Amino acid sequence: MSGRLADEVVLVTGAARGIGGAVAAKAAEEGAAVALLDVLADELAATTAALEQTGARVAAAVGDITDEHAVRRSVDLLVAELGPVTVLVNNAGRNAYADATAMTVAEWDSVFDVDLKGAWLMARQVLPSMIAHRHGSIVNIASIHSQLTTAGMFPYAAAKSGLVGMTRSLALDVARHDIRVPTSPAPTGP
């Protein structure tokens, strides 16, 4: 396929549906080879089949981004099928609504594991190849709640704020290797 992303291998987490599915479809439309990762096996299979029907090069892995061994296995499988990842889209997330006084530690950990730790584990896995090739991009999908939130969004807003901070730090750390980790400006308003 031809397109703006014809020479790229784009790995999207949380790719089975929603924003991740849309990002994967757009990457495929732009000519990228698309690697899909999600824990939702049935929905991932359906998304993979739909993308394959477009003629895109697609590979999928069912894996948990919060488990470093699963991340390694999944990325290795996807790289074996499509080649080294040149673009990582950390989209997988867990939206949570909780009361700060009633939330359990396990509930807190589960949100931060997906929304923050998972993004780091994925970046850690693909960065060595990007650094070696001096080429790559990592896109972390945060939320407006990292800047402007509403009542009841605890701890989602905290986790997404952490993701924004991680993005900024990572951008500084890997820029010297010609790897982009784009950050968006804080929302402005009246």
N, C-alpha and C. Protein backbone atom coordinates (compact mmCIF):
# COMPACT_ATOMS: atom_id res chain seq x y z
N MET A 1 0.84 -1.19 0.00
CA MET A 1 0.00 0.00 0.00
C MET A 1 0.88 1.25 0.00
N SER A 2 0.34 2.30 -0.54
CA SER A 2 1.05 3.57 -0.50
C SER A 2 0.32 4.49 0.47
N GLY A 3 0.99 5.55 0.84
CA GLY A 3 0.40 6.51 1.77
C GLY A 3 1.48 7.13 2.63
N ARG A 4 1.08 8.06 3.47
CA ARG A 4 2.03 8.77 4.32
C ARG A 4 2.75 7.86 5.30
N LEU A 5 2.18 6.72 5.64
CA LEU A 5 2.79 5.81 6.61
C LEU A 5 3.25 4.50 5.97
N ALA A 6 3.52 4.53 4.68
CA ALA A 6 3.82 3.30 3.94
C ALA A 6 5.03 2.55 4.47
N ASP A 7 5.98 3.22 5.06
CA ASP A 7 7.18 2.55 5.55
C ASP A 7 7.16 2.31 7.06
N GLU A 8 6.02 2.48 7.68
CA GLU A 8 5.92 2.39 9.13
C GLU A 8 5.22 1.12 9.58
N VAL A 9 5.60 0.66 10.77
CA VAL A 9 4.88 -0.40 11.47
C VAL A 9 4.30 0.25 12.72
N VAL A 10 2.99 0.38 12.75
CA VAL A 10 2.28 1.08 13.81
C VAL A 10 1.65 0.06 14.74
N LEU A 11 2.06 0.09 16.01
CA LEU A 11 1.49 -0.79 17.03
C LEU A 11 0.52 0.03 17.88
N VAL A 12 -0.72 -0.43 17.95
CA VAL A 12 -1.76 0.26 18.70
C VAL A 12 -2.23 -0.63 19.84
N THR A 13 -2.17 -0.12 21.07
CA THR A 13 -2.72 -0.86 22.21
C THR A 13 -4.18 -0.46 22.39
N GLY A 14 -4.95 -1.36 22.95
CA GLY A 14 -6.38 -1.09 23.08
C GLY A 14 -7.02 -0.97 21.71
N ALA A 15 -6.57 -1.81 20.78
CA ALA A 15 -6.93 -1.67 19.36
C ALA A 15 -8.20 -2.39 18.97
N ALA A 16 -8.83 -3.10 19.87
CA ALA A 16 -9.98 -3.91 19.51
C ALA A 16 -11.21 -3.09 19.15
N ARG A 17 -11.30 -1.88 19.70
CA ARG A 17 -12.52 -1.08 19.48
C ARG A 17 -12.23 0.38 19.81
N GLY A 18 -13.24 1.21 19.64
CA GLY A 18 -13.17 2.61 20.05
C GLY A 18 -12.04 3.38 19.38
N ILE A 19 -11.40 4.24 20.16
CA ILE A 19 -10.32 5.09 19.64
C ILE A 19 -9.20 4.24 19.06
N GLY A 20 -8.81 3.18 19.76
CA GLY A 20 -7.73 2.33 19.26
C GLY A 20 -8.06 1.70 17.93
N GLY A 21 -9.28 1.22 17.77
CA GLY A 21 -9.69 0.65 16.49
C GLY A 21 -9.67 1.70 15.38
N ALA A 22 -10.11 2.91 15.70
CA ALA A 22 -10.11 3.99 14.71
C ALA A 22 -8.69 4.40 14.33
N VAL A 23 -7.79 4.46 15.31
CA VAL A 23 -6.39 4.79 15.03
C VAL A 23 -5.78 3.73 14.12
N ALA A 24 -6.03 2.47 14.44
CA ALA A 24 -5.49 1.38 13.63
C ALA A 24 -6.03 1.45 12.20
N ALA A 25 -7.31 1.73 12.05
CA ALA A 25 -7.91 1.82 10.71
C ALA A 25 -7.30 2.97 9.92
N LYS A 26 -7.09 4.11 10.57
CA LYS A 26 -6.49 5.25 9.88
C LYS A 26 -5.05 4.97 9.50
N ALA A 27 -4.29 4.33 10.39
CA ALA A 27 -2.90 3.98 10.07
C ALA A 27 -2.86 3.04 8.86
N ALA A 28 -3.76 2.08 8.84
CA ALA A 28 -3.82 1.15 7.70
C ALA A 28 -4.19 1.90 6.42
N GLU A 29 -5.14 2.79 6.52
CA GLU A 29 -5.56 3.60 5.37
C GLU A 29 -4.39 4.41 4.82
N GLU A 30 -3.50 4.84 5.72
CA GLU A 30 -2.33 5.63 5.31
C GLU A 30 -1.15 4.76 4.89
N GLY A 31 -1.37 3.43 4.79
CA GLY A 31 -0.37 2.54 4.24
C GLY A 31 0.53 1.83 5.23
N ALA A 32 0.32 2.04 6.51
CA ALA A 32 1.16 1.39 7.52
C ALA A 32 0.82 -0.09 7.64
N ALA A 33 1.82 -0.86 8.05
CA ALA A 33 1.55 -2.19 8.56
C ALA A 33 1.07 -1.97 9.99
N VAL A 34 0.01 -2.65 10.39
CA VAL A 34 -0.62 -2.34 11.67
C VAL A 34 -0.58 -3.55 12.59
N ALA A 35 -0.03 -3.32 13.78
CA ALA A 35 0.03 -4.33 14.83
C ALA A 35 -1.01 -3.97 15.88
N LEU A 36 -1.87 -4.90 16.21
CA LEU A 36 -2.97 -4.66 17.14
C LEU A 36 -2.73 -5.46 18.42
N LEU A 37 -2.95 -4.80 19.55
CA LEU A 37 -2.78 -5.46 20.84
C LEU A 37 -3.95 -5.10 21.74
N ASP A 38 -4.55 -6.11 22.34
CA ASP A 38 -5.68 -5.88 23.24
C ASP A 38 -5.90 -7.13 24.07
N VAL A 39 -6.65 -7.00 25.15
CA VAL A 39 -7.03 -8.15 25.96
C VAL A 39 -8.37 -8.74 25.53
N LEU A 40 -9.10 -8.04 24.69
CA LEU A 40 -10.43 -8.47 24.25
C LEU A 40 -10.30 -9.32 22.99
N ALA A 41 -10.14 -10.61 23.16
CA ALA A 41 -9.81 -11.51 22.05
C ALA A 41 -10.84 -11.51 20.93
N ASP A 42 -12.11 -11.64 21.24
CA ASP A 42 -13.14 -11.71 20.21
C ASP A 42 -13.24 -10.42 19.41
N GLU A 43 -13.24 -9.29 20.11
CA GLU A 43 -13.32 -8.00 19.42
C GLU A 43 -12.05 -7.73 18.63
N LEU A 44 -10.91 -8.15 19.15
CA LEU A 44 -9.65 -7.99 18.43
C LEU A 44 -9.67 -8.79 17.14
N ALA A 45 -10.19 -9.99 17.18
CA ALA A 45 -10.29 -10.83 15.98
C ALA A 45 -11.18 -10.16 14.93
N ALA A 46 -12.28 -9.57 15.36
CA ALA A 46 -13.19 -8.89 14.42
C ALA A 46 -12.52 -7.67 13.81
N THR A 47 -11.82 -6.89 14.61
CA THR A 47 -11.13 -5.70 14.09
C THR A 47 -10.03 -6.10 13.13
N THR A 48 -9.29 -7.15 13.48
CA THR A 48 -8.23 -7.65 12.61
C THR A 48 -8.80 -8.09 11.27
N ALA A 49 -9.89 -8.85 11.28
CA ALA A 49 -10.51 -9.32 10.05
C ALA A 49 -10.98 -8.15 9.19
N ALA A 50 -11.57 -7.15 9.82
CA ALA A 50 -12.05 -5.97 9.07
C ALA A 50 -10.90 -5.24 8.40
N LEU A 51 -9.78 -5.09 9.09
CA LEU A 51 -8.62 -4.42 8.51
C LEU A 51 -7.98 -5.25 7.41
N GLU A 52 -7.95 -6.55 7.59
CA GLU A 52 -7.39 -7.43 6.56
C GLU A 52 -8.19 -7.33 5.26
N GLN A 53 -9.49 -7.13 5.37
CA GLN A 53 -10.33 -7.02 4.18
C GLN A 53 -10.00 -5.77 3.36
N THR A 54 -9.34 -4.79 3.96
CA THR A 54 -8.95 -3.59 3.23
C THR A 54 -7.66 -3.80 2.45
N GLY A 55 -7.00 -4.94 2.68
CA GLY A 55 -5.74 -5.21 2.03
C GLY A 55 -4.53 -4.78 2.85
N ALA A 56 -4.77 -4.28 4.05
CA ALA A 56 -3.68 -3.84 4.91
C ALA A 56 -2.90 -5.02 5.45
N ARG A 57 -1.61 -4.79 5.73
CA ARG A 57 -0.81 -5.78 6.44
C ARG A 57 -1.14 -5.62 7.92
N VAL A 58 -1.65 -6.69 8.52
CA VAL A 58 -2.14 -6.62 9.89
C VAL A 58 -1.67 -7.85 10.66
N ALA A 59 -1.29 -7.63 11.90
CA ALA A 59 -1.01 -8.72 12.83
C ALA A 59 -1.64 -8.35 14.17
N ALA A 60 -2.08 -9.34 14.91
CA ALA A 60 -2.72 -9.07 16.19
C ALA A 60 -2.20 -10.01 17.26
N ALA A 61 -2.20 -9.51 18.48
CA ALA A 61 -1.82 -10.32 19.63
C ALA A 61 -2.76 -9.98 20.78
N VAL A 62 -3.20 -11.02 21.45
CA VAL A 62 -3.97 -10.84 22.67
C VAL A 62 -2.96 -10.77 23.80
N GLY A 63 -2.95 -9.67 24.53
CA GLY A 63 -1.98 -9.53 25.59
C GLY A 63 -2.36 -8.43 26.56
N ASP A 64 -1.84 -8.55 27.76
CA ASP A 64 -2.11 -7.64 28.86
C ASP A 64 -0.93 -6.68 29.01
N ILE A 65 -1.16 -5.39 28.75
CA ILE A 65 -0.07 -4.41 28.80
C ILE A 65 0.43 -4.14 30.21
N THR A 66 -0.25 -4.67 31.21
CA THR A 66 0.19 -4.45 32.59
C THR A 66 1.16 -5.53 33.06
N ASP A 67 1.39 -6.52 32.24
CA ASP A 67 2.25 -7.66 32.58
C ASP A 67 3.49 -7.60 31.69
N GLU A 68 4.66 -7.36 32.28
CA GLU A 68 5.86 -7.18 31.46
C GLU A 68 6.20 -8.39 30.61
N HIS A 69 5.91 -9.59 31.08
CA HIS A 69 6.19 -10.79 30.29
C HIS A 69 5.22 -10.89 29.11
N ALA A 70 3.96 -10.55 29.33
CA ALA A 70 2.98 -10.55 28.24
C ALA A 70 3.33 -9.48 27.21
N VAL A 71 3.80 -8.33 27.67
CA VAL A 71 4.22 -7.28 26.74
C VAL A 71 5.36 -7.78 25.86
N ARG A 72 6.36 -8.39 26.47
CA ARG A 72 7.50 -8.90 25.71
C ARG A 72 7.05 -9.94 24.68
N ARG A 73 6.23 -10.90 25.12
CA ARG A 73 5.76 -11.94 24.21
C ARG A 73 4.94 -11.35 23.06
N SER A 74 4.04 -10.44 23.39
CA SER A 74 3.16 -9.85 22.38
C SER A 74 3.95 -9.04 21.36
N VAL A 75 4.84 -8.20 21.84
CA VAL A 75 5.63 -7.38 20.91
C VAL A 75 6.53 -8.26 20.06
N ASP A 76 7.14 -9.26 20.66
CA ASP A 76 7.99 -10.17 19.87
C ASP A 76 7.19 -10.85 18.77
N LEU A 77 5.98 -11.30 19.07
CA LEU A 77 5.13 -11.94 18.07
C LEU A 77 4.78 -10.97 16.94
N LEU A 78 4.42 -9.76 17.30
CA LEU A 78 4.03 -8.77 16.29
C LEU A 78 5.22 -8.35 15.43
N VAL A 79 6.38 -8.19 16.04
CA VAL A 79 7.59 -7.84 15.29
C VAL A 79 7.98 -8.97 14.35
N ALA A 80 7.84 -10.21 14.79
CA ALA A 80 8.15 -11.35 13.92
C ALA A 80 7.28 -11.36 12.67
N GLU A 81 6.06 -10.89 12.79
CA GLU A 81 5.14 -10.88 11.65
C GLU A 81 5.29 -9.66 10.76
N LEU A 82 5.54 -8.48 11.36
CA LEU A 82 5.51 -7.24 10.58
C LEU A 82 6.83 -6.49 10.49
N GLY A 83 7.78 -6.82 11.36
CA GLY A 83 9.02 -6.07 11.41
C GLY A 83 9.02 -5.14 12.62
N PRO A 84 10.14 -4.45 12.83
CA PRO A 84 10.28 -3.59 14.01
C PRO A 84 9.21 -2.49 14.06
N VAL A 85 8.72 -2.25 15.25
CA VAL A 85 7.72 -1.20 15.47
C VAL A 85 8.40 0.16 15.32
N THR A 86 7.82 1.01 14.47
CA THR A 86 8.35 2.36 14.30
C THR A 86 7.45 3.42 14.91
N VAL A 87 6.19 3.06 15.15
CA VAL A 87 5.25 3.97 15.81
C VAL A 87 4.48 3.17 16.85
N LEU A 88 4.50 3.64 18.09
CA LEU A 88 3.71 3.04 19.16
C LEU A 88 2.63 4.02 19.56
N VAL A 89 1.39 3.55 19.55
CA VAL A 89 0.28 4.36 20.02
C VAL A 89 -0.24 3.70 21.29
N ASN A 90 0.09 4.30 22.42
CA ASN A 90 -0.38 3.81 23.73
C ASN A 90 -1.78 4.36 23.96
N ASN A 91 -2.75 3.59 23.53
CA ASN A 91 -4.14 3.99 23.62
C ASN A 91 -4.90 3.27 24.73
N ALA A 92 -4.50 2.05 25.05
CA ALA A 92 -5.25 1.27 26.05
C ALA A 92 -5.41 2.09 27.33
N GLY A 93 -6.58 2.06 27.86
CA GLY A 93 -6.84 2.81 29.09
C GLY A 93 -8.02 2.23 29.83
N ARG A 94 -8.08 2.59 31.08
CA ARG A 94 -9.17 2.12 31.93
C ARG A 94 -9.80 3.32 32.59
N ASN A 95 -10.97 3.68 32.14
CA ASN A 95 -11.68 4.79 32.73
C ASN A 95 -12.27 4.33 34.05
N ALA A 96 -12.17 5.16 35.06
CA ALA A 96 -12.67 4.77 36.38
C ALA A 96 -13.36 5.95 37.06
N TYR A 97 -14.42 5.65 37.71
CA TYR A 97 -15.14 6.64 38.51
C TYR A 97 -15.13 6.11 39.93
N ALA A 98 -14.59 6.90 40.86
CA ALA A 98 -14.48 6.39 42.22
C ALA A 98 -14.49 7.53 43.23
N ASP A 99 -14.79 7.17 44.43
CA ASP A 99 -14.73 8.07 45.57
C ASP A 99 -13.38 7.84 46.25
N ALA A 100 -12.64 8.90 46.47
CA ALA A 100 -11.29 8.78 47.04
C ALA A 100 -11.28 8.09 48.40
N THR A 101 -12.36 8.19 49.14
CA THR A 101 -12.40 7.58 50.47
C THR A 101 -12.91 6.14 50.44
N ALA A 102 -13.57 5.76 49.36
CA ALA A 102 -14.15 4.41 49.28
C ALA A 102 -13.35 3.48 48.38
N MET A 103 -12.54 4.03 47.52
CA MET A 103 -11.79 3.22 46.57
C MET A 103 -10.79 2.33 47.29
N THR A 104 -10.65 1.11 46.81
CA THR A 104 -9.68 0.20 47.41
C THR A 104 -8.31 0.39 46.76
N VAL A 105 -7.29 -0.09 47.41
CA VAL A 105 -5.94 -0.04 46.84
C VAL A 105 -5.89 -0.85 45.55
N ALA A 106 -6.55 -1.98 45.51
CA ALA A 106 -6.57 -2.80 44.30
C ALA A 106 -7.22 -2.06 43.14
N GLU A 107 -8.30 -1.32 43.40
CA GLU A 107 -8.94 -0.54 42.35
C GLU A 107 -8.01 0.57 41.85
N TRP A 108 -7.34 1.25 42.78
CA TRP A 108 -6.37 2.29 42.42
C TRP A 108 -5.27 1.69 41.53
N ASP A 109 -4.69 0.58 41.99
CA ASP A 109 -3.61 -0.06 41.25
C ASP A 109 -4.05 -0.49 39.86
N SER A 110 -5.27 -0.99 39.72
CA SER A 110 -5.71 -1.47 38.41
C SER A 110 -5.82 -0.32 37.40
N VAL A 111 -6.23 0.86 37.86
CA VAL A 111 -6.31 2.01 36.96
C VAL A 111 -4.90 2.46 36.56
N PHE A 112 -4.01 2.62 37.53
CA PHE A 112 -2.66 3.07 37.24
C PHE A 112 -1.86 2.03 36.45
N ASP A 113 -2.15 0.76 36.67
CA ASP A 113 -1.46 -0.29 35.91
C ASP A 113 -1.75 -0.17 34.42
N VAL A 114 -2.99 0.06 34.06
CA VAL A 114 -3.35 0.16 32.64
C VAL A 114 -2.98 1.53 32.09
N ASP A 115 -3.39 2.60 32.76
CA ASP A 115 -3.27 3.94 32.20
C ASP A 115 -1.86 4.51 32.25
N LEU A 116 -1.00 4.02 33.11
CA LEU A 116 0.33 4.59 33.23
C LEU A 116 1.43 3.54 33.10
N LYS A 117 1.39 2.52 33.94
CA LYS A 117 2.43 1.48 33.88
C LYS A 117 2.45 0.78 32.54
N GLY A 118 1.30 0.48 31.99
CA GLY A 118 1.23 -0.21 30.70
C GLY A 118 1.88 0.59 29.59
N ALA A 119 1.67 1.90 29.59
CA ALA A 119 2.29 2.75 28.57
C ALA A 119 3.81 2.72 28.70
N TRP A 120 4.30 2.74 29.93
CA TRP A 120 5.76 2.65 30.14
C TRP A 120 6.30 1.29 29.70
N LEU A 121 5.62 0.21 30.06
CA LEU A 121 6.09 -1.12 29.67
C LEU A 121 6.16 -1.26 28.15
N MET A 122 5.16 -0.73 27.46
CA MET A 122 5.16 -0.79 26.01
C MET A 122 6.30 0.03 25.43
N ALA A 123 6.47 1.24 25.92
CA ALA A 123 7.56 2.09 25.43
C ALA A 123 8.90 1.43 25.68
N ARG A 124 9.08 0.89 26.88
CA ARG A 124 10.33 0.23 27.22
C ARG A 124 10.64 -0.91 26.27
N GLN A 125 9.61 -1.61 25.81
CA GLN A 125 9.82 -2.77 24.94
C GLN A 125 10.20 -2.37 23.51
N VAL A 126 9.64 -1.27 23.00
CA VAL A 126 9.91 -0.91 21.60
C VAL A 126 11.07 0.07 21.44
N LEU A 127 11.43 0.76 22.50
CA LEU A 127 12.47 1.79 22.38
C LEU A 127 13.85 1.27 21.95
N PRO A 128 14.33 0.13 22.41
CA PRO A 128 15.66 -0.29 21.97
C PRO A 128 15.80 -0.36 20.44
N SER A 129 14.80 -0.90 19.77
CA SER A 129 14.86 -0.97 18.30
C SER A 129 14.77 0.42 17.69
N MET A 130 13.89 1.26 18.21
CA MET A 130 13.79 2.62 17.69
C MET A 130 15.12 3.37 17.86
N ILE A 131 15.74 3.21 19.02
CA ILE A 131 17.02 3.86 19.27
C ILE A 131 18.08 3.34 18.31
N ALA A 132 18.12 2.04 18.12
CA ALA A 132 19.11 1.44 17.21
C ALA A 132 18.94 1.94 15.78
N HIS A 133 17.70 2.16 15.36
CA HIS A 133 17.42 2.61 14.00
C HIS A 133 17.34 4.14 13.89
N ARG A 134 17.42 4.83 15.03
CA ARG A 134 17.30 6.29 15.07
C ARG A 134 16.04 6.75 14.32
N HIS A 135 14.95 6.06 14.63
CA HIS A 135 13.69 6.37 13.96
C HIS A 135 12.54 5.83 14.81
N GLY A 136 11.55 6.67 15.04
CA GLY A 136 10.37 6.18 15.74
C GLY A 136 9.57 7.31 16.36
N SER A 137 8.35 6.95 16.72
CA SER A 137 7.44 7.87 17.41
C SER A 137 6.65 7.08 18.44
N ILE A 138 6.41 7.71 19.57
CA ILE A 138 5.54 7.14 20.59
C ILE A 138 4.47 8.17 20.88
N VAL A 139 3.22 7.76 20.72
CA VAL A 139 2.08 8.64 20.96
C VAL A 139 1.31 8.08 22.14
N ASN A 140 1.21 8.86 23.19
CA ASN A 140 0.47 8.45 24.39
C ASN A 140 -0.87 9.18 24.41
N ILE A 141 -1.95 8.43 24.43
CA ILE A 141 -3.29 9.02 24.43
C ILE A 141 -3.68 9.29 25.89
N ALA A 142 -3.77 10.56 26.21
CA ALA A 142 -4.16 10.96 27.57
C ALA A 142 -5.64 11.32 27.57
N SER A 143 -5.99 12.38 28.23
CA SER A 143 -7.40 12.78 28.33
C SER A 143 -7.47 14.24 28.76
N ILE A 144 -8.53 14.87 28.41
CA ILE A 144 -8.78 16.24 28.89
C ILE A 144 -8.77 16.25 30.43
N HIS A 145 -9.07 15.09 31.03
CA HIS A 145 -9.10 15.01 32.49
C HIS A 145 -7.72 15.17 33.13
N SER A 146 -6.67 15.14 32.32
CA SER A 146 -5.34 15.40 32.87
C SER A 146 -5.15 16.88 33.17
N GLN A 147 -5.98 17.73 32.59
CA GLN A 147 -5.88 19.17 32.78
C GLN A 147 -7.14 19.77 33.42
N LEU A 148 -8.28 19.35 32.93
CA LEU A 148 -9.57 19.88 33.38
C LEU A 148 -10.46 18.69 33.70
N THR A 149 -10.75 18.47 34.95
CA THR A 149 -11.53 17.28 35.29
C THR A 149 -12.82 17.67 35.98
N THR A 150 -13.61 16.67 36.31
CA THR A 150 -14.88 16.88 36.99
C THR A 150 -14.94 15.96 38.20
N ALA A 151 -15.86 16.22 39.06
CA ALA A 151 -16.05 15.37 40.24
C ALA A 151 -16.33 13.94 39.81
N GLY A 152 -15.80 13.01 40.56
CA GLY A 152 -16.05 11.60 40.30
C GLY A 152 -15.05 10.94 39.36
N MET A 153 -14.09 11.67 38.86
CA MET A 153 -13.13 11.10 37.91
C MET A 153 -11.86 10.62 38.60
N PHE A 154 -11.90 10.47 39.88
CA PHE A 154 -10.77 9.97 40.65
C PHE A 154 -10.72 8.46 40.49
N PRO A 155 -9.62 7.82 40.19
CA PRO A 155 -8.25 8.27 40.00
C PRO A 155 -7.86 8.44 38.54
N TYR A 156 -8.85 8.35 37.62
CA TYR A 156 -8.56 8.45 36.19
C TYR A 156 -7.78 9.73 35.88
N ALA A 157 -8.23 10.85 36.43
CA ALA A 157 -7.55 12.12 36.17
C ALA A 157 -6.11 12.09 36.66
N ALA A 158 -5.87 11.46 37.79
CA ALA A 158 -4.50 11.37 38.33
C ALA A 158 -3.62 10.51 37.42
N ALA A 159 -4.14 9.39 36.96
CA ALA A 159 -3.36 8.51 36.09
C ALA A 159 -3.04 9.18 34.76
N LYS A 160 -4.02 9.86 34.18
CA LYS A 160 -3.80 10.54 32.90
C LYS A 160 -2.86 11.73 33.07
N SER A 161 -2.90 12.40 34.21
CA SER A 161 -1.93 13.46 34.47
C SER A 161 -0.52 12.88 34.54
N GLY A 162 -0.40 11.72 35.16
CA GLY A 162 0.89 11.04 35.20
C GLY A 162 1.37 10.67 33.81
N LEU A 163 0.46 10.26 32.94
CA LEU A 163 0.83 9.91 31.57
C LEU A 163 1.35 11.13 30.82
N VAL A 164 0.75 12.27 31.05
CA VAL A 164 1.24 13.51 30.42
C VAL A 164 2.65 13.82 30.91
N GLY A 165 2.89 13.69 32.21
CA GLY A 165 4.23 13.92 32.74
C GLY A 165 5.24 12.93 32.18
N MET A 166 4.86 11.67 32.08
CA MET A 166 5.75 10.66 31.51
C MET A 166 6.06 10.99 30.05
N THR A 167 5.06 11.43 29.32
CA THR A 167 5.25 11.79 27.91
C THR A 167 6.28 12.91 27.77
N ARG A 168 6.14 13.93 28.58
CA ARG A 168 7.09 15.06 28.52
C ARG A 168 8.50 14.62 28.85
N SER A 169 8.66 13.82 29.88
CA SER A 169 9.98 13.35 30.28
C SER A 169 10.58 12.44 29.22
N LEU A 170 9.78 11.53 28.69
CA LEU A 170 10.26 10.61 27.68
C LEU A 170 10.68 11.36 26.41
N ALA A 171 9.92 12.37 26.05
CA ALA A 171 10.27 13.18 24.88
C ALA A 171 11.66 13.77 25.02
N LEU A 172 11.98 14.28 26.20
CA LEU A 172 13.31 14.85 26.45
C LEU A 172 14.39 13.78 26.42
N ASP A 173 14.09 12.63 26.97
CA ASP A 173 15.09 11.56 27.07
C ASP A 173 15.46 10.93 25.73
N VAL A 174 14.51 10.83 24.80
CA VAL A 174 14.79 10.10 23.56
C VAL A 174 14.95 10.99 22.33
N ALA A 175 14.77 12.28 22.48
CA ALA A 175 14.91 13.20 21.34
C ALA A 175 16.29 13.08 20.70
N ARG A 176 17.32 12.88 21.50
CA ARG A 176 18.68 12.79 20.96
C ARG A 176 18.87 11.57 20.05
N HIS A 177 17.92 10.63 20.11
CA HIS A 177 17.96 9.44 19.25
C HIS A 177 17.04 9.58 18.04
N ASP A 178 16.56 10.80 17.80
CA ASP A 178 15.64 11.09 16.68
C ASP A 178 14.30 10.37 16.82
N ILE A 179 13.88 10.20 18.05
CA ILE A 179 12.58 9.59 18.33
C ILE A 179 11.66 10.68 18.85
N ARG A 180 10.47 10.74 18.28
CA ARG A 180 9.51 11.76 18.68
C ARG A 180 8.51 11.18 19.68
N VAL A 181 8.24 11.94 20.71
CA VAL A 181 7.18 11.62 21.66
C VAL A 181 6.38 12.92 21.80
N PRO A 182 5.43 13.12 20.89
CA PRO A 182 4.76 14.42 20.85
C PRO A 182 3.95 14.70 22.11
N THR A 183 4.03 15.94 22.49
CA THR A 183 3.23 16.43 23.62
C THR A 183 2.30 17.50 23.07
N SER A 184 1.11 17.54 23.60
CA SER A 184 0.19 18.56 23.15
C SER A 184 0.15 19.66 24.21
N PRO A 185 -0.14 20.86 23.77
CA PRO A 185 -0.22 21.96 24.74
C PRO A 185 -1.40 21.77 25.68
N ALA A 186 -1.29 22.37 26.83
CA ALA A 186 -2.40 22.35 27.79
C ALA A 186 -3.59 23.05 27.17
N PRO A 187 -4.80 22.58 27.46
CA PRO A 187 -6.00 23.24 26.92
C PRO A 187 -6.06 24.68 27.38
N THR A 188 -6.55 25.52 26.50
CA THR A 188 -6.75 26.92 26.87
C THR A 188 -8.24 27.20 26.90
N GLY A 189 -8.59 28.19 27.59
CA GLY A 189 -10.01 28.53 27.68
C GLY A 189 -10.19 29.93 28.18
N PRO A 190 -11.42 30.35 28.34
CA PRO A 190 -11.69 31.71 28.79
C PRO A 190 -11.19 31.96 30.18
